[in-house]
Amino acid sequence: MTDESPAIDQLLKNLDQAMLGDRHRLRRQLLELRKKPDEAKLAQWLERMQASCNLVTARRQSVPQIRYDDSLPIAAKRDEIKEALLKHQVLIIAGETGSGKTTQLPKICLEIGRGQHGLIGHTQPGGLPPAAWPAGSPKSWPRRWARWWATRCASRTRAIPAP
């Protein structure tokens, strides 16, 4: 290879077109190719990159037509939810049973382009059973436990206070 650094730099810039789960590995491999150029390995890398980009394209093209049930409170708040999703990596939405959280939130995510490069994470309130809560009333809990993260470990769920 003769001075492939500019080409490698361009390939690095294109990594955002790949699946999220592939980006770290592809980046690491490409940086290694910059240090030790190898035509055969670069060809293999390009095939893997193309496969990842093809998957993104297929996912983008397979998004169904989105129809909201405007009688549901979550659907009525979709513009606010879209804005919040675009600003924040994690969003916690609470609502009454039957408000449309399970059915409408994935549609909102798809409409703003989520799910094309990776999965949409959507948990249910059952992920944090009362047995995992600290003893006492919420008023007696330490301030740092005001917000909770639920982490599922095998078949056991435990609550971890947010930093």
C-alpha atoms as a PDB file:
ATOM      1  CA  MET A   1       0.000   0.000   0.000  1.00  0.00           C
ATOM      2  CA  THR A   2       1.220   3.482  -0.755  1.00  0.00           C
ATOM      3  CA  ASP A   3       0.290   6.199   1.739  1.00  0.00           C
ATOM      4  CA  GLU A   4      -3.224   4.970   2.497  1.00  0.00           C
ATOM      5  CA  SER A   5      -3.636   7.363   5.440  1.00  0.00           C
ATOM      6  CA  PRO A   6      -6.044   9.763   3.635  1.00  0.00           C
ATOM      7  CA  ALA A   7      -8.132   6.789   2.460  1.00  0.00           C
ATOM      8  CA  ILE A   8      -8.148   5.343   5.987  1.00  0.00           C
ATOM      9  CA  ASP A   9      -9.178   8.755   7.347  1.00  0.00           C
ATOM     10  CA  GLN A  10     -12.135   8.824   4.954  1.00  0.00           C
ATOM     11  CA  LEU A  11     -13.142   5.285   5.935  1.00  0.00           C
ATOM     12  CA  LEU A  12     -13.003   6.315   9.599  1.00  0.00           C
ATOM     13  CA  LYS A  13     -15.361   9.205   8.843  1.00  0.00           C
ATOM     14  CA  ASN A  14     -17.806   6.770   7.227  1.00  0.00           C
ATOM     15  CA  LEU A  15     -18.036   4.519  10.295  1.00  0.00           C
ATOM     16  CA  ASP A  16     -21.185   6.334  11.431  1.00  0.00           C
ATOM     17  CA  GLN A  17     -22.985   4.591   8.557  1.00  0.00           C
ATOM     18  CA  ALA A  18     -22.371   1.160  10.124  1.00  0.00           C
ATOM     19  CA  MET A  19     -24.360  -0.609  12.822  1.00  0.00           C
ATOM     20  CA  LEU A  20     -23.570   0.714  16.298  1.00  0.00           C
ATOM     21  CA  GLY A  21     -22.546  -2.740  17.466  1.00  0.00           C
ATOM     22  CA  ASP A  22     -19.966  -2.998  14.668  1.00  0.00           C
ATOM     23  CA  ARG A  23     -18.381   0.453  14.927  1.00  0.00           C
ATOM     24  CA  HIS A  24     -15.880  -0.168  17.728  1.00  0.00           C
ATOM     25  CA  ARG A  25     -14.525  -3.361  16.171  1.00  0.00           C
ATOM     26  CA  LEU A  26     -14.381  -1.826  12.675  1.00  0.00           C
ATOM     27  CA  ARG A  27     -12.619   1.278  14.001  1.00  0.00           C
ATOM     28  CA  ARG A  28     -10.067  -0.779  15.927  1.00  0.00           C
ATOM     29  CA  GLN A  29      -9.347  -2.954  12.871  1.00  0.00           C
ATOM     30  CA  LEU A  30      -9.007   0.071  10.609  1.00  0.00           C
ATOM     31  CA  LEU A  31      -6.565   1.788  12.962  1.00  0.00           C
ATOM     32  CA  GLU A  32      -4.533  -1.427  13.027  1.00  0.00           C
ATOM     33  CA  LEU A  33      -4.508  -1.407   9.203  1.00  0.00           C
ATOM     34  CA  ARG A  34      -3.187   2.146   9.308  1.00  0.00           C
ATOM     35  CA  LYS A  35      -0.220   0.915  11.393  1.00  0.00           C
ATOM     36  CA  LYS A  36       0.345  -2.302   9.415  1.00  0.00           C
ATOM     37  CA  PRO A  37      -1.083  -1.960   5.881  1.00  0.00           C
ATOM     38  CA  ASP A  38      -2.343  -5.206   4.365  1.00  0.00           C
ATOM     39  CA  GLU A  39      -4.342  -5.297   1.101  1.00  0.00           C
ATOM     40  CA  ALA A  40      -6.056  -8.604   1.896  1.00  0.00           C
ATOM     41  CA  LYS A  41      -7.110  -7.500   5.376  1.00  0.00           C
ATOM     42  CA  LEU A  42      -8.346  -4.183   4.002  1.00  0.00           C
ATOM     43  CA  ALA A  43     -10.476  -6.049   1.448  1.00  0.00           C
ATOM     44  CA  GLN A  44     -11.951  -8.186   4.252  1.00  0.00           C
ATOM     45  CA  TRP A  45     -12.567  -5.056   6.315  1.00  0.00           C
ATOM     46  CA  LEU A  46     -14.374  -3.402   3.396  1.00  0.00           C
ATOM     47  CA  GLU A  47     -16.625  -6.468   3.063  1.00  0.00           C
ATOM     48  CA  ARG A  48     -17.510  -6.336   6.771  1.00  0.00           C
ATOM     49  CA  MET A  49     -18.162  -2.599   6.572  1.00  0.00           C
ATOM     50  CA  GLN A  50     -20.368  -3.052   3.524  1.00  0.00           C
ATOM     51  CA  ALA A  51     -22.336  -5.836   5.230  1.00  0.00           C
ATOM     52  CA  SER A  52     -22.919  -3.606   8.249  1.00  0.00           C
ATOM     53  CA  CYS A  53     -24.025  -0.680   6.058  1.00  0.00           C
ATOM     54  CA  ASN A  54     -26.308  -2.993   4.074  1.00  0.00           C
ATOM     55  CA  LEU A  55     -27.981  -4.041   7.326  1.00  0.00           C
ATOM     56  CA  VAL A  56     -28.575  -0.376   8.218  1.00  0.00           C
ATOM     57  CA  THR A  57     -30.112   0.189   4.777  1.00  0.00           C
ATOM     58  CA  ALA A  58     -32.340  -2.875   5.109  1.00  0.00           C
ATOM     59  CA  ARG A  59     -33.517  -1.770   8.549  1.00  0.00           C
ATOM     60  CA  ARG A  60     -34.209   1.755   7.282  1.00  0.00           C
ATOM     61  CA  GLN A  61     -36.240   0.398   4.362  1.00  0.00           C
ATOM     62  CA  SER A  62     -38.219  -2.019   6.529  1.00  0.00           C
ATOM     63  CA  VAL A  63     -39.736   0.614   8.834  1.00  0.00           C
ATOM     64  CA  PRO A  64     -43.498   0.231   8.461  1.00  0.00           C
ATOM     65  CA  GLN A  65     -45.831   3.144   7.881  1.00  0.00           C
ATOM     66  CA  ILE A  66     -46.382   4.676  11.303  1.00  0.00           C
ATOM     67  CA  ARG A  67     -49.914   5.326  12.501  1.00  0.00           C
ATOM     68  CA  TYR A  68     -50.643   6.675  15.951  1.00  0.00           C
ATOM     69  CA  ASP A  69     -53.715   6.088  18.061  1.00  0.00           C
ATOM     70  CA  ASP A  70     -54.458   9.725  18.879  1.00  0.00           C
ATOM     71  CA  SER A  71     -56.850   8.691  21.628  1.00  0.00           C
ATOM     72  CA  LEU A  72     -53.848   7.612  23.742  1.00  0.00           C
ATOM     73  CA  PRO A  73     -52.135  10.206  25.972  1.00  0.00           C
ATOM     74  CA  ILE A  74     -48.634   9.167  24.868  1.00  0.00           C
ATOM     75  CA  ALA A  75     -49.523   9.713  21.196  1.00  0.00           C
ATOM     76  CA  ALA A  76     -50.892  13.155  22.055  1.00  0.00           C
ATOM     77  CA  LYS A  77     -47.513  14.074  23.602  1.00  0.00           C
ATOM     78  CA  ARG A  78     -45.412  12.639  20.775  1.00  0.00           C
ATOM     79  CA  ASP A  79     -43.833  15.945  19.715  1.00  0.00           C
ATOM     80  CA  GLU A  80     -42.573  16.578  23.254  1.00  0.00           C
ATOM     81  CA  ILE A  81     -41.347  12.991  23.502  1.00  0.00           C
ATOM     82  CA  LYS A  82     -39.534  13.231  20.142  1.00  0.00           C
ATOM     83  CA  GLU A  83     -37.775  16.390  21.275  1.00  0.00           C
ATOM     84  CA  ALA A  84     -36.737  14.771  24.562  1.00  0.00           C
ATOM     85  CA  LEU A  85     -35.478  11.650  22.769  1.00  0.00           C
ATOM     86  CA  LEU A  86     -33.327  13.759  20.475  1.00  0.00           C
ATOM     87  CA  LYS A  87     -31.807  15.610  23.440  1.00  0.00           C
ATOM     88  CA  HIS A  88     -31.271  12.704  25.851  1.00  0.00           C
ATOM     89  CA  GLN A  89     -29.736   9.253  25.547  1.00  0.00           C
ATOM     90  CA  VAL A  90     -31.975   7.840  28.291  1.00  0.00           C
ATOM     91  CA  LEU A  91     -35.569   8.879  28.825  1.00  0.00           C
ATOM     92  CA  ILE A  92     -37.914   7.707  31.561  1.00  0.00           C
ATOM     93  CA  ILE A  93     -41.596   8.048  30.746  1.00  0.00           C
ATOM     94  CA  ALA A  94     -44.289   7.209  33.269  1.00  0.00           C
ATOM     95  CA  GLY A  95     -47.976   6.969  32.559  1.00  0.00           C
ATOM     96  CA  GLU A  96     -51.125   5.163  33.492  1.00  0.00           C
ATOM     97  CA  THR A  97     -51.753   1.617  32.344  1.00  0.00           C
ATOM     98  CA  GLY A  98     -53.291   1.859  28.894  1.00  0.00           C
ATOM     99  CA  SER A  99     -51.770   5.267  28.098  1.00  0.00           C
ATOM    100  CA  GLY A 100     -49.861   3.898  25.086  1.00  0.00           C
ATOM    101  CA  LYS A 101     -46.343   3.619  26.473  1.00  0.00           C
ATOM    102  CA  THR A 102     -45.740   0.130  25.097  1.00  0.00           C
ATOM    103  CA  THR A 103     -47.460   0.625  21.746  1.00  0.00           C
ATOM    104  CA  GLN A 104     -46.726   4.252  20.873  1.00  0.00           C
ATOM    105  CA  LEU A 105     -43.166   4.824  22.171  1.00  0.00           C
ATOM    106  CA  PRO A 106     -41.534   2.398  19.710  1.00  0.00           C
ATOM    107  CA  LYS A 107     -43.358   4.171  16.877  1.00  0.00           C
ATOM    108  CA  ILE A 108     -42.048   7.532  18.052  1.00  0.00           C
ATOM    109  CA  CYS A 109     -38.525   6.105  18.211  1.00  0.00           C
ATOM    110  CA  LEU A 110     -38.795   4.705  14.693  1.00  0.00           C
ATOM    111  CA  GLU A 111     -40.170   7.977  13.366  1.00  0.00           C
ATOM    112  CA  ILE A 112     -37.078   9.905  14.517  1.00  0.00           C
ATOM    113  CA  GLY A 113     -34.726   7.303  13.055  1.00  0.00           C
ATOM    114  CA  ARG A 114     -33.940   5.210  16.110  1.00  0.00           C
ATOM    115  CA  GLY A 115     -33.480   1.509  15.506  1.00  0.00           C
ATOM    116  CA  GLN A 116     -31.717   1.885  12.156  1.00  0.00           C
ATOM    117  CA  HIS A 117     -28.186   1.558  13.510  1.00  0.00           C
ATOM    118  CA  GLY A 118     -29.025  -0.517  16.582  1.00  0.00           C
ATOM    119  CA  LEU A 119     -31.772  -1.671  18.892  1.00  0.00           C
ATOM    120  CA  ILE A 120     -34.374   0.414  20.681  1.00  0.00           C
ATOM    121  CA  GLY A 121     -34.251  -0.319  24.409  1.00  0.00           C
ATOM    122  CA  HIS A 122     -37.686  -0.309  26.012  1.00  0.00           C
ATOM    123  CA  THR A 123     -38.173  -1.668  29.524  1.00  0.00           C
ATOM    124  CA  GLN A 124     -41.322  -2.404  31.453  1.00  0.00           C
ATOM    125  CA  PRO A 125     -41.981  -1.388  35.053  1.00  0.00           C
ATOM    126  CA  GLY A 126     -41.802  -5.043  36.084  1.00  0.00           C
ATOM    127  CA  GLY A 127     -38.035  -4.769  35.638  1.00  0.00           C
ATOM    128  CA  LEU A 128     -37.704  -3.326  39.143  1.00  0.00           C
ATOM    129  CA  PRO A 129     -39.649  -5.540  41.562  1.00  0.00           C
ATOM    130  CA  PRO A 130     -40.559  -4.172  44.995  1.00  0.00           C
ATOM    131  CA  ALA A 131     -38.186  -6.689  46.586  1.00  0.00           C
ATOM    132  CA  ALA A 132     -35.288  -4.761  45.012  1.00  0.00           C
ATOM    133  CA  TRP A 133     -36.335  -1.451  46.561  1.00  0.00           C
ATOM    134  CA  PRO A 134     -34.619  -0.272  49.733  1.00  0.00           C
ATOM    135  CA  ALA A 135     -36.503  -0.599  52.991  1.00  0.00           C
ATOM    136  CA  GLY A 136     -38.560   2.318  54.242  1.00  0.00           C
ATOM    137  CA  SER A 137     -40.468   4.980  52.406  1.00  0.00           C
ATOM    138  CA  PRO A 138     -38.952   6.993  49.536  1.00  0.00           C
ATOM    139  CA  LYS A 139     -38.670   9.982  51.889  1.00  0.00           C
ATOM    140  CA  SER A 140     -36.221   8.015  54.036  1.00  0.00           C
ATOM    141  CA  TRP A 141     -34.002   6.945  51.124  1.00  0.00           C
ATOM    142  CA  PRO A 142     -30.640   8.649  50.549  1.00  0.00           C
ATOM    143  CA  ARG A 143     -30.831  11.535  48.086  1.00  0.00           C
ATOM    144  CA  ARG A 144     -28.536   9.774  45.590  1.00  0.00           C
ATOM    145  CA  TRP A 145     -31.231   7.101  45.236  1.00  0.00           C
ATOM    146  CA  ALA A 146     -33.779   9.583  43.979  1.00  0.00           C
ATOM    147  CA  ARG A 147     -33.194   8.266  40.479  1.00  0.00           C
ATOM    148  CA  TRP A 148     -32.878   4.565  39.747  1.00  0.00           C
ATOM    149  CA  TRP A 149     -31.300   2.463  37.085  1.00  0.00           C
ATOM    150  CA  ALA A 150     -32.544  -1.082  36.687  1.00  0.00           C
ATOM    151  CA  THR A 151     -29.988  -3.652  35.651  1.00  0.00           C
ATOM    152  CA  ARG A 152     -31.003  -7.166  34.715  1.00  0.00           C
ATOM    153  CA  CYS A 153     -28.427  -9.781  35.630  1.00  0.00           C
ATOM    154  CA  ALA A 154     -29.402 -13.263  34.435  1.00  0.00           C
ATOM    155  CA  SER A 155     -32.752 -13.948  36.101  1.00  0.00           C
ATOM    156  CA  ARG A 156     -32.232 -11.446  38.927  1.00  0.00           C
ATOM    157  CA  THR A 157     -32.975  -7.741  38.746  1.00  0.00           C
ATOM    158  CA  ARG A 158     -31.305  -5.318  41.082  1.00  0.00           C
ATOM    159  CA  ALA A 159     -31.532  -1.575  41.448  1.00  0.00           C
ATOM    160  CA  ILE A 160     -28.434   0.567  41.253  1.00  0.00           C
ATOM    161  CA  PRO A 161     -28.522   4.231  42.271  1.00  0.00           C
ATOM    162  CA  ALA A 162     -27.651   6.634  39.478  1.00  0.00           C
ATOM    163  CA  PRO A 163     -24.344   8.477  39.873  1.00  0.00           C
END
